[in-house]
Amino acid sequence: MSKKTLIVVGAIIAVIVIYALNTDKQAAGASATGCKVTVTADVLNARETADGNAKIVGKYLRDAQFDALPGVQNGFRKVADDKWVAAEYTQPVEGSTC
């Protein structure tokens, strides 16, 4: 085999290995933030700020799972930019570091 062929084959193998490792982490419930939660309320409102009177910007249904940031502020957990949910209606997924 030529050097060029070996490089191409090596690159393809590397991509496959990286993809397989990432898929295993996702299947195990891995989270980019280390914190993944489950909704315990029938419907959980996502708000623009960590305030129960803030504008509703989304909703989650019971048993929905999503990434969140570790820690709670003013009784709310940040789940995305300008998106907060009441922490009392979420439960960290087992093995999560919330």
PDB file of N, CA and C in Angstrom:
ATOM      1  N   MET A   1       0.835  -1.192   0.000  1.00  0.00           N
ATOM      2  CA  MET A   1       0.000   0.000   0.000  1.00  0.00           C
ATOM      3  C   MET A   1       0.875   1.249   0.000  1.00  0.00           C
ATOM      4  N   SER A   2       0.354   2.279  -0.629  1.00  0.00           N
ATOM      5  CA  SER A   2       1.094   3.538  -0.656  1.00  0.00           C
ATOM      6  C   SER A   2       0.853   4.308   0.644  1.00  0.00           C
ATOM      7  N   LYS A   3       1.699   5.289   0.894  1.00  0.00           N
ATOM      8  CA  LYS A   3       1.553   6.116   2.093  1.00  0.00           C
ATOM      9  C   LYS A   3       0.204   6.837   2.090  1.00  0.00           C
ATOM     10  N   LYS A   4      -0.191   7.316   0.916  1.00  0.00           N
ATOM     11  CA  LYS A   4      -1.458   8.053   0.810  1.00  0.00           C
ATOM     12  C   LYS A   4      -2.634   7.153   1.199  1.00  0.00           C
ATOM     13  N   THR A   5      -2.631   5.906   0.742  1.00  0.00           N
ATOM     14  CA  THR A   5      -3.700   4.961   1.054  1.00  0.00           C
ATOM     15  C   THR A   5      -3.717   4.665   2.556  1.00  0.00           C
ATOM     16  N   LEU A   6      -2.536   4.467   3.147  1.00  0.00           N
ATOM     17  CA  LEU A   6      -2.454   4.206   4.583  1.00  0.00           C
ATOM     18  C   LEU A   6      -2.997   5.378   5.400  1.00  0.00           C
ATOM     19  N   ILE A   7      -2.709   6.589   4.978  1.00  0.00           N
ATOM     20  CA  ILE A   7      -3.200   7.778   5.681  1.00  0.00           C
ATOM     21  C   ILE A   7      -4.723   7.844   5.598  1.00  0.00           C
ATOM     22  N   VAL A   8      -5.275   7.614   4.433  1.00  0.00           N
ATOM     23  CA  VAL A   8      -6.732   7.651   4.254  1.00  0.00           C
ATOM     24  C   VAL A   8      -7.400   6.571   5.099  1.00  0.00           C
ATOM     25  N   VAL A   9      -6.873   5.353   5.047  1.00  0.00           N
ATOM     26  CA  VAL A   9      -7.437   4.249   5.830  1.00  0.00           C
ATOM     27  C   VAL A   9      -7.333   4.559   7.324  1.00  0.00           C
ATOM     28  N   GLY A  10      -6.212   5.085   7.754  1.00  0.00           N
ATOM     29  CA  GLY A  10      -6.023   5.453   9.161  1.00  0.00           C
ATOM     30  C   GLY A  10      -7.018   6.520   9.603  1.00  0.00           C
ATOM     31  N   ALA A  11      -7.256   7.522   8.754  1.00  0.00           N
ATOM     32  CA  ALA A  11      -8.209   8.581   9.080  1.00  0.00           C
ATOM     33  C   ALA A  11      -9.626   8.017   9.202  1.00  0.00           C
ATOM     34  N   ILE A  12      -9.987   7.125   8.311  1.00  0.00           N
ATOM     35  CA  ILE A  12     -11.325   6.506   8.366  1.00  0.00           C
ATOM     36  C   ILE A  12     -11.483   5.697   9.650  1.00  0.00           C
ATOM     37  N   ILE A  13     -10.482   4.939   9.996  1.00  0.00           N
ATOM     38  CA  ILE A  13     -10.526   4.143  11.231  1.00  0.00           C
ATOM     39  C   ILE A  13     -10.647   5.063  12.446  1.00  0.00           C
ATOM     40  N   ALA A  14      -9.901   6.159  12.453  1.00  0.00           N
ATOM     41  CA  ALA A  14      -9.965   7.101  13.576  1.00  0.00           C
ATOM     42  C   ALA A  14     -11.368   7.684  13.718  1.00  0.00           C
ATOM     43  N   VAL A  15     -11.996   8.059  12.620  1.00  0.00           N
ATOM     44  CA  VAL A  15     -13.359   8.604  12.658  1.00  0.00           C
ATOM     45  C   VAL A  15     -14.329   7.560  13.211  1.00  0.00           C
ATOM     46  N   ILE A  16     -14.197   6.329  12.782  1.00  0.00           N
ATOM     47  CA  ILE A  16     -15.082   5.257  13.261  1.00  0.00           C
ATOM     48  C   ILE A  16     -14.908   5.043  14.760  1.00  0.00           C
ATOM     49  N   VAL A  17     -13.676   5.027  15.233  1.00  0.00           N
ATOM     50  CA  VAL A  17     -13.408   4.829  16.656  1.00  0.00           C
ATOM     51  C   VAL A  17     -13.984   5.986  17.477  1.00  0.00           C
ATOM     52  N   ILE A  18     -13.765   7.206  17.034  1.00  0.00           N
ATOM     53  CA  ILE A  18     -14.292   8.373  17.754  1.00  0.00           C
ATOM     54  C   ILE A  18     -15.814   8.332  17.793  1.00  0.00           C
ATOM     55  N   TYR A  19     -16.435   8.002  16.678  1.00  0.00           N
ATOM     56  CA  TYR A  19     -17.892   7.901  16.620  1.00  0.00           C
ATOM     57  C   TYR A  19     -18.398   6.823  17.581  1.00  0.00           C
ATOM     58  N   ALA A  20     -17.751   5.676  17.592  1.00  0.00           N
ATOM     59  CA  ALA A  20     -18.171   4.573  18.468  1.00  0.00           C
ATOM     60  C   ALA A  20     -18.040   4.957  19.932  1.00  0.00           C
ATOM     61  N   LEU A  21     -16.962   5.617  20.300  1.00  0.00           N
ATOM     62  CA  LEU A  21     -16.780   6.041  21.687  1.00  0.00           C
ATOM     63  C   LEU A  21     -17.841   7.056  22.089  1.00  0.00           C
ATOM     64  N   ASN A  22     -18.157   7.990  21.219  1.00  0.00           N
ATOM     65  CA  ASN A  22     -19.173   9.004  21.507  1.00  0.00           C
ATOM     66  C   ASN A  22     -20.550   8.361  21.637  1.00  0.00           C
ATOM     67  N   THR A  23     -20.864   7.396  20.786  1.00  0.00           N
ATOM     68  CA  THR A  23     -22.147   6.708  20.841  1.00  0.00           C
ATOM     69  C   THR A  23     -22.285   5.949  22.157  1.00  0.00           C
ATOM     70  N   ASP A  24     -21.217   5.311  22.616  1.00  0.00           N
ATOM     71  CA  ASP A  24     -21.253   4.593  23.893  1.00  0.00           C
ATOM     72  C   ASP A  24     -21.556   5.546  25.040  1.00  0.00           C
ATOM     73  N   LYS A  25     -20.963   6.730  25.038  1.00  0.00           N
ATOM     74  CA  LYS A  25     -21.213   7.704  26.100  1.00  0.00           C
ATOM     75  C   LYS A  25     -22.661   8.165  26.075  1.00  0.00           C
ATOM     76  N   GLN A  26     -23.201   8.414  24.888  1.00  0.00           N
ATOM     77  CA  GLN A  26     -24.584   8.860  24.780  1.00  0.00           C
ATOM     78  C   GLN A  26     -25.527   7.766  25.242  1.00  0.00           C
ATOM     79  N   ALA A  27     -25.238   6.533  24.903  1.00  0.00           N
ATOM     80  CA  ALA A  27     -26.096   5.419  25.307  1.00  0.00           C
ATOM     81  C   ALA A  27     -26.086   5.238  26.814  1.00  0.00           C
ATOM     82  N   ALA A  28     -24.980   5.579  27.453  1.00  0.00           N
ATOM     83  CA  ALA A  28     -24.869   5.440  28.903  1.00  0.00           C
ATOM     84  C   ALA A  28     -25.496   6.621  29.631  1.00  0.00           C
ATOM     85  N   GLY A  29     -26.095   7.551  28.889  1.00  0.00           N
ATOM     86  CA  GLY A  29     -26.754   8.687  29.525  1.00  0.00           C
ATOM     87  C   GLY A  29     -25.789   9.815  29.850  1.00  0.00           C
ATOM     88  N   ALA A  30     -24.664   9.860  29.185  1.00  0.00           N
ATOM     89  CA  ALA A  30     -23.683  10.900  29.441  1.00  0.00           C
ATOM     90  C   ALA A  30     -24.249  12.266  29.068  1.00  0.00           C
ATOM     91  N   SER A  31     -23.791  13.266  29.767  1.00  0.00           N
ATOM     92  CA  SER A  31     -24.266  14.622  29.535  1.00  0.00           C
ATOM     93  C   SER A  31     -23.068  15.527  29.336  1.00  0.00           C
ATOM     94  N   ALA A  32     -23.208  16.485  28.442  1.00  0.00           N
ATOM     95  CA  ALA A  32     -22.120  17.429  28.196  1.00  0.00           C
ATOM     96  C   ALA A  32     -21.805  18.238  29.456  1.00  0.00           C
ATOM     97  N   THR A  33     -22.799  18.470  30.284  1.00  0.00           N
ATOM     98  CA  THR A  33     -22.610  19.269  31.503  1.00  0.00           C
ATOM     99  C   THR A  33     -22.329  18.388  32.718  1.00  0.00           C
ATOM    100  N   GLY A  34     -22.518  17.081  32.563  1.00  0.00           N
ATOM    101  CA  GLY A  34     -22.370  16.179  33.701  1.00  0.00           C
ATOM    102  C   GLY A  34     -23.657  16.076  34.503  1.00  0.00           C
ATOM    103  N   CYS A  35     -24.642  16.889  34.164  1.00  0.00           N
ATOM    104  CA  CYS A  35     -25.914  16.916  34.882  1.00  0.00           C
ATOM    105  C   CYS A  35     -27.054  16.656  33.906  1.00  0.00           C
ATOM    106  N   LYS A  36     -27.795  15.604  34.162  1.00  0.00           N
ATOM    107  CA  LYS A  36     -28.973  15.279  33.353  1.00  0.00           C
ATOM    108  C   LYS A  36     -30.130  15.064  34.314  1.00  0.00           C
ATOM    109  N   VAL A  37     -31.288  15.635  33.990  1.00  0.00           N
ATOM    110  CA  VAL A  37     -32.434  15.554  34.894  1.00  0.00           C
ATOM    111  C   VAL A  37     -33.659  14.975  34.187  1.00  0.00           C
ATOM    112  N   THR A  38     -34.596  14.486  35.014  1.00  0.00           N
ATOM    113  CA  THR A  38     -35.882  13.976  34.545  1.00  0.00           C
ATOM    114  C   THR A  38     -36.979  14.850  35.130  1.00  0.00           C
ATOM    115  N   VAL A  39     -37.996  15.151  34.344  1.00  0.00           N
ATOM    116  CA  VAL A  39     -39.127  15.958  34.804  1.00  0.00           C
ATOM    117  C   VAL A  39     -40.055  15.087  35.644  1.00  0.00           C
ATOM    118  N   THR A  40     -40.448  15.600  36.835  1.00  0.00           N
ATOM    119  CA  THR A  40     -41.349  14.864  37.721  1.00  0.00           C
ATOM    120  C   THR A  40     -42.760  15.449  37.721  1.00  0.00           C
ATOM    121  N   ALA A  41     -42.964  16.622  37.156  1.00  0.00           N
ATOM    122  CA  ALA A  41     -44.293  17.245  37.065  1.00  0.00           C
ATOM    123  C   ALA A  41     -44.983  16.771  35.789  1.00  0.00           C
ATOM    124  N   ASP A  42     -46.309  16.901  35.740  1.00  0.00           N
ATOM    125  CA  ASP A  42     -47.033  16.551  34.513  1.00  0.00           C
ATOM    126  C   ASP A  42     -46.577  17.431  33.362  1.00  0.00           C
ATOM    127  N   VAL A  43     -46.482  18.748  33.620  1.00  0.00           N
ATOM    128  CA  VAL A  43     -45.974  19.714  32.647  1.00  0.00           C
ATOM    129  C   VAL A  43     -45.082  20.684  33.409  1.00  0.00           C
ATOM    130  N   LEU A  44     -43.882  20.896  32.922  1.00  0.00           N
ATOM    131  CA  LEU A  44     -42.933  21.802  33.570  1.00  0.00           C
ATOM    132  C   LEU A  44     -42.643  22.959  32.630  1.00  0.00           C
ATOM    133  N   ASN A  45     -42.923  24.167  33.098  1.00  0.00           N
ATOM    134  CA  ASN A  45     -42.656  25.360  32.299  1.00  0.00           C
ATOM    135  C   ASN A  45     -41.177  25.714  32.354  1.00  0.00           C
ATOM    136  N   ALA A  46     -40.630  26.062  31.215  1.00  0.00           N
ATOM    137  CA  ALA A  46     -39.275  26.615  31.149  1.00  0.00           C
ATOM    138  C   ALA A  46     -39.445  28.124  31.057  1.00  0.00           C
ATOM    139  N   ARG A  47     -38.687  28.854  31.870  1.00  0.00           N
ATOM    140  CA  ARG A  47     -38.834  30.306  31.933  1.00  0.00           C
ATOM    141  C   ARG A  47     -37.568  31.003  31.469  1.00  0.00           C
ATOM    142  N   GLU A  48     -37.732  32.258  31.082  1.00  0.00           N
ATOM    143  CA  GLU A  48     -36.633  33.051  30.529  1.00  0.00           C
ATOM    144  C   GLU A  48     -35.555  33.372  31.563  1.00  0.00           C
ATOM    145  N   THR A  49     -35.963  33.514  32.827  1.00  0.00           N
ATOM    146  CA  THR A  49     -35.022  33.783  33.920  1.00  0.00           C
ATOM    147  C   THR A  49     -35.380  32.900  35.112  1.00  0.00           C
ATOM    148  N   ALA A  50     -34.549  32.922  36.129  1.00  0.00           N
ATOM    149  CA  ALA A  50     -34.778  32.130  37.336  1.00  0.00           C
ATOM    150  C   ALA A  50     -35.792  32.824  38.237  1.00  0.00           C
ATOM    151  N   ASP A  51     -37.010  32.964  37.738  1.00  0.00           N
ATOM    152  CA  ASP A  51     -38.078  33.663  38.445  1.00  0.00           C
ATOM    153  C   ASP A  51     -39.413  33.044  38.026  1.00  0.00           C
ATOM    154  N   GLY A  52     -40.227  32.663  38.990  1.00  0.00           N
ATOM    155  CA  GLY A  52     -41.512  32.036  38.718  1.00  0.00           C
ATOM    156  C   GLY A  52     -42.476  32.915  37.945  1.00  0.00           C
ATOM    157  N   ASN A  53     -42.230  34.218  37.882  1.00  0.00           N
ATOM    158  CA  ASN A  53     -43.090  35.132  37.132  1.00  0.00           C
ATOM    159  C   ASN A  53     -42.513  35.491  35.763  1.00  0.00           C
ATOM    160  N   ALA A  54     -41.360  34.925  35.439  1.00  0.00           N
ATOM    161  CA  ALA A  54     -40.710  35.240  34.157  1.00  0.00           C
ATOM    162  C   ALA A  54     -41.487  34.628  32.995  1.00  0.00           C
ATOM    163  N   LYS A  55     -41.243  35.156  31.817  1.00  0.00           N
ATOM    164  CA  LYS A  55     -41.907  34.707  30.588  1.00  0.00           C
ATOM    165  C   LYS A  55     -41.646  33.216  30.357  1.00  0.00           C
ATOM    166  N   ILE A  56     -42.700  32.465  29.998  1.00  0.00           N
ATOM    167  CA  ILE A  56     -42.574  31.043  29.670  1.00  0.00           C
ATOM    168  C   ILE A  56     -42.027  30.930  28.247  1.00  0.00           C
ATOM    169  N   VAL A  57     -40.940  30.175  28.111  1.00  0.00           N
ATOM    170  CA  VAL A  57     -40.288  30.032  26.801  1.00  0.00           C
ATOM    171  C   VAL A  57     -40.305  28.593  26.285  1.00  0.00           C
ATOM    172  N   GLY A  58     -40.917  27.695  27.043  1.00  0.00           N
ATOM    173  CA  GLY A  58     -41.012  26.305  26.616  1.00  0.00           C
ATOM    174  C   GLY A  58     -41.678  25.470  27.676  1.00  0.00           C
ATOM    175  N   LYS A  59     -41.952  24.218  27.346  1.00  0.00           N
ATOM    176  CA  LYS A  59     -42.586  23.290  28.282  1.00  0.00           C
ATOM    177  C   LYS A  59     -41.962  21.912  28.116  1.00  0.00           C
ATOM    178  N   TYR A  60     -41.890  21.178  29.227  1.00  0.00           N
ATOM    179  CA  TYR A  60     -41.418  19.797  29.220  1.00  0.00           C
ATOM    180  C   TYR A  60     -42.502  18.923  29.832  1.00  0.00           C
ATOM    181  N   LEU A  61     -42.689  17.728  29.297  1.00  0.00           N
ATOM    182  CA  LEU A  61     -43.675  16.794  29.830  1.00  0.00           C
ATOM    183  C   LEU A  61     -43.029  15.824  30.808  1.00  0.00           C
ATOM    184  N   ARG A  62     -43.846  15.210  31.666  1.00  0.00           N
ATOM    185  CA  ARG A  62     -43.364  14.241  32.665  1.00  0.00           C
ATOM    186  C   ARG A  62     -42.446  13.216  31.993  1.00  0.00           C
ATOM    187  N   ASP A  63     -41.391  12.869  32.696  1.00  0.00           N
ATOM    188  CA  ASP A  63     -40.384  11.879  32.289  1.00  0.00           C
ATOM    189  C   ASP A  63     -39.451  12.341  31.174  1.00  0.00           C
ATOM    190  N   ALA A  64     -39.595  13.584  30.694  1.00  0.00           N
ATOM    191  CA  ALA A  64     -38.636  14.108  29.722  1.00  0.00           C
ATOM    192  C   ALA A  64     -37.271  14.188  30.407  1.00  0.00           C
ATOM    193  N   GLN A  65     -36.214  13.895  29.675  1.00  0.00           N
ATOM    194  CA  GLN A  65     -34.855  14.001  30.211  1.00  0.00           C
ATOM    195  C   GLN A  65     -34.069  14.978  29.356  1.00  0.00           C
ATOM    196  N   PHE A  66     -33.250  15.796  30.025  1.00  0.00           N
ATOM    197  CA  PHE A  66     -32.438  16.769  29.309  1.00  0.00           C
ATOM    198  C   PHE A  66     -31.254  17.187  30.161  1.00  0.00           C
ATOM    199  N   ASP A  67     -30.249  17.762  29.493  1.00  0.00           N
ATOM    200  CA  ASP A  67     -29.071  18.271  30.179  1.00  0.00           C
ATOM    201  C   ASP A  67     -29.429  19.550  30.931  1.00  0.00           C
ATOM    202  N   ALA A  68     -28.751  19.762  32.032  1.00  0.00           N
ATOM    203  CA  ALA A  68     -28.920  20.980  32.818  1.00  0.00           C
ATOM    204  C   ALA A  68     -27.560  21.351  33.391  1.00  0.00           C
ATOM    205  N   LEU A  69     -27.461  22.545  33.899  1.00  0.00           N
ATOM    206  CA  LEU A  69     -26.222  22.947  34.565  1.00  0.00           C
ATOM    207  C   LEU A  69     -26.298  22.521  36.020  1.00  0.00           C
ATOM    208  N   PRO A  70     -25.188  22.080  36.577  1.00  0.00           N
ATOM    209  CA  PRO A  70     -25.187  21.718  37.994  1.00  0.00           C
ATOM    210  C   PRO A  70     -25.506  22.946  38.845  1.00  0.00           C
ATOM    211  N   GLY A  71     -26.150  22.724  39.952  1.00  0.00           N
ATOM    212  CA  GLY A  71     -26.460  23.808  40.877  1.00  0.00           C
ATOM    213  C   GLY A  71     -27.824  24.410  40.626  1.00  0.00           C
ATOM    214  N   VAL A  72     -28.325  25.078  41.655  1.00  0.00           N
ATOM    215  CA  VAL A  72     -29.657  25.679  41.611  1.00  0.00           C
ATOM    216  C   VAL A  72     -29.537  27.126  42.051  1.00  0.00           C
ATOM    217  N   GLN A  73     -30.260  28.009  41.382  1.00  0.00           N
ATOM    218  CA  GLN A  73     -30.258  29.432  41.719  1.00  0.00           C
ATOM    219  C   GLN A  73     -31.705  29.880  41.938  1.00  0.00           C
ATOM    220  N   ASN A  74     -32.001  30.402  43.110  1.00  0.00           N
ATOM    221  CA  ASN A  74     -33.336  30.922  43.399  1.00  0.00           C
ATOM    222  C   ASN A  74     -34.416  29.860  43.181  1.00  0.00           C
ATOM    223  N   GLY A  75     -34.063  28.570  43.412  1.00  0.00           N
ATOM    224  CA  GLY A  75     -35.013  27.476  43.234  1.00  0.00           C
ATOM    225  C   GLY A  75     -35.153  27.000  41.797  1.00  0.00           C
ATOM    226  N   PHE A  76     -34.324  27.532  40.890  1.00  0.00           N
ATOM    227  CA  PHE A  76     -34.403  27.167  39.478  1.00  0.00           C
ATOM    228  C   PHE A  76     -33.083  26.575  39.001  1.00  0.00           C
ATOM    229  N   ARG A  77     -33.207  25.697  38.018  1.00  0.00           N
ATOM    230  CA  ARG A  77     -32.038  25.060  37.400  1.00  0.00           C
ATOM    231  C   ARG A  77     -31.949  25.547  35.960  1.00  0.00           C
ATOM    232  N   LYS A  78     -30.759  26.004  35.554  1.00  0.00           N
ATOM    233  CA  LYS A  78     -30.547  26.489  34.190  1.00  0.00           C
ATOM    234  C   LYS A  78     -30.372  25.295  33.257  1.00  0.00           C
ATOM    235  N   VAL A  79     -31.134  25.298  32.152  1.00  0.00           N
ATOM    236  CA  VAL A  79     -31.046  24.194  31.200  1.00  0.00           C
ATOM    237  C   VAL A  79     -30.522  24.641  29.846  1.00  0.00           C
ATOM    238  N   ALA A  80     -30.499  25.952  29.599  1.00  0.00           N
ATOM    239  CA  ALA A  80     -29.964  26.510  28.355  1.00  0.00           C
ATOM    240  C   ALA A  80     -29.890  28.019  28.531  1.00  0.00           C
ATOM    241  N   ASP A  81     -29.306  28.711  27.562  1.00  0.00           N
ATOM    242  CA  ASP A  81     -29.296  30.169  27.621  1.00  0.00           C
ATOM    243  C   ASP A  81     -30.735  30.655  27.670  1.00  0.00           C
ATOM    244  N   ASP A  82     -31.041  31.500  28.638  1.00  0.00           N
ATOM    245  CA  ASP A  82     -32.383  32.059  28.805  1.00  0.00           C
ATOM    246  C   ASP A  82     -33.459  30.986  28.942  1.00  0.00           C
ATOM    247  N   LYS A  83     -33.126  29.887  29.618  1.00  0.00           N
ATOM    248  CA  LYS A  83     -34.104  28.814  29.838  1.00  0.00           C
ATOM    249  C   LYS A  83     -33.855  28.180  31.202  1.00  0.00           C
ATOM    250  N   TRP A  84     -34.819  28.371  32.106  1.00  0.00           N
ATOM    251  CA  TRP A  84     -34.722  27.888  33.479  1.00  0.00           C
ATOM    252  C   TRP A  84     -35.970  27.080  33.829  1.00  0.00           C
ATOM    253  N   VAL A  85     -35.812  26.055  34.673  1.00  0.00           N
ATOM    254  CA  VAL A  85     -36.955  25.275  35.144  1.00  0.00           C
ATOM    255  C   VAL A  85     -36.907  25.193  36.660  1.00  0.00           C
ATOM    256  N   ALA A  86     -38.087  25.047  37.285  1.00  0.00           N
ATOM    257  CA  ALA A  86     -38.161  24.911  38.742  1.00  0.00           C
ATOM    258  C   ALA A  86     -37.473  23.603  39.141  1.00  0.00           C
ATOM    259  N   ALA A  87     -36.454  23.721  39.980  1.00  0.00           N
ATOM    260  CA  ALA A  87     -35.650  22.560  40.369  1.00  0.00           C
ATOM    261  C   ALA A  87     -36.468  21.519  41.126  1.00  0.00           C
ATOM    262  N   GLU A  88     -37.492  21.951  41.858  1.00  0.00           N
ATOM    263  CA  GLU A  88     -38.275  21.005  42.657  1.00  0.00           C
ATOM    264  C   GLU A  88     -39.034  19.998  41.790  1.00  0.00           C
ATOM    265  N   TYR A  89     -39.184  20.288  40.499  1.00  0.00           N
ATOM    266  CA  TYR A  89     -39.896  19.386  39.595  1.00  0.00           C
ATOM    267  C   TYR A  89     -38.962  18.635  38.664  1.00  0.00           C
ATOM    268  N   THR A  90     -37.692  18.584  39.034  1.00  0.00           N
ATOM    269  CA  THR A  90     -36.722  17.790  38.289  1.00  0.00           C
ATOM    270  C   THR A  90     -35.990  16.881  39.266  1.00  0.00           C
ATOM    271  N   GLN A  91     -35.532  15.767  38.757  1.00  0.00           N
ATOM    272  CA  GLN A  91     -34.755  14.828  39.565  1.00  0.00           C
ATOM    273  C   GLN A  91     -33.531  14.420  38.761  1.00  0.00           C
ATOM    274  N   PRO A  92     -32.345  14.546  39.353  1.00  0.00           N
ATOM    275  CA  PRO A  92     -31.147  14.120  38.621  1.00  0.00           C
ATOM    276  C   PRO A  92     -31.222  12.652  38.219  1.00  0.00           C
ATOM    277  N   VAL A  93     -30.794  12.351  37.005  1.00  0.00           N
ATOM    278  CA  VAL A  93     -30.722  10.976  36.531  1.00  0.00           C
ATOM    279  C   VAL A  93     -29.631  10.265  37.315  1.00  0.00           C
ATOM    280  N   GLU A  94     -29.853   8.992  37.623  1.00  0.00           N
ATOM    281  CA  GLU A  94     -28.874   8.234  38.389  1.00  0.00           C
ATOM    282  C   GLU A  94     -27.503   8.292  37.728  1.00  0.00           C
ATOM    283  N   GLY A  95     -26.474   8.581  38.511  1.00  0.00           N
ATOM    284  CA  GLY A  95     -25.116   8.692  38.011  1.00  0.00           C
ATOM    285  C   GLY A  95     -24.767  10.084  37.515  1.00  0.00           C
ATOM    286  N   SER A  96     -25.741  10.985  37.511  1.00  0.00           N
ATOM    287  CA  SER A  96     -25.529  12.350  37.062  1.00  0.00           C
ATOM    288  C   SER A  96     -24.913  13.170  38.193  1.00  0.00           C
ATOM    289  N   THR A  97     -24.143  14.182  37.844  1.00  0.00           N
ATOM    290  CA  THR A  97     -23.502  15.026  38.859  1.00  0.00           C
ATOM    291  C   THR A  97     -24.122  16.415  38.847  1.00  0.00           C
ATOM    292  N   CYS A  98     -25.308  16.505  39.430  1.00  0.00           N
ATOM    293  CA  CYS A  98     -26.021  17.784  39.440  1.00  0.00           C
ATOM    294  C   CYS A  98     -25.777  18.529  40.750  1.00  0.00           C
TER     295      CYS A  98
END
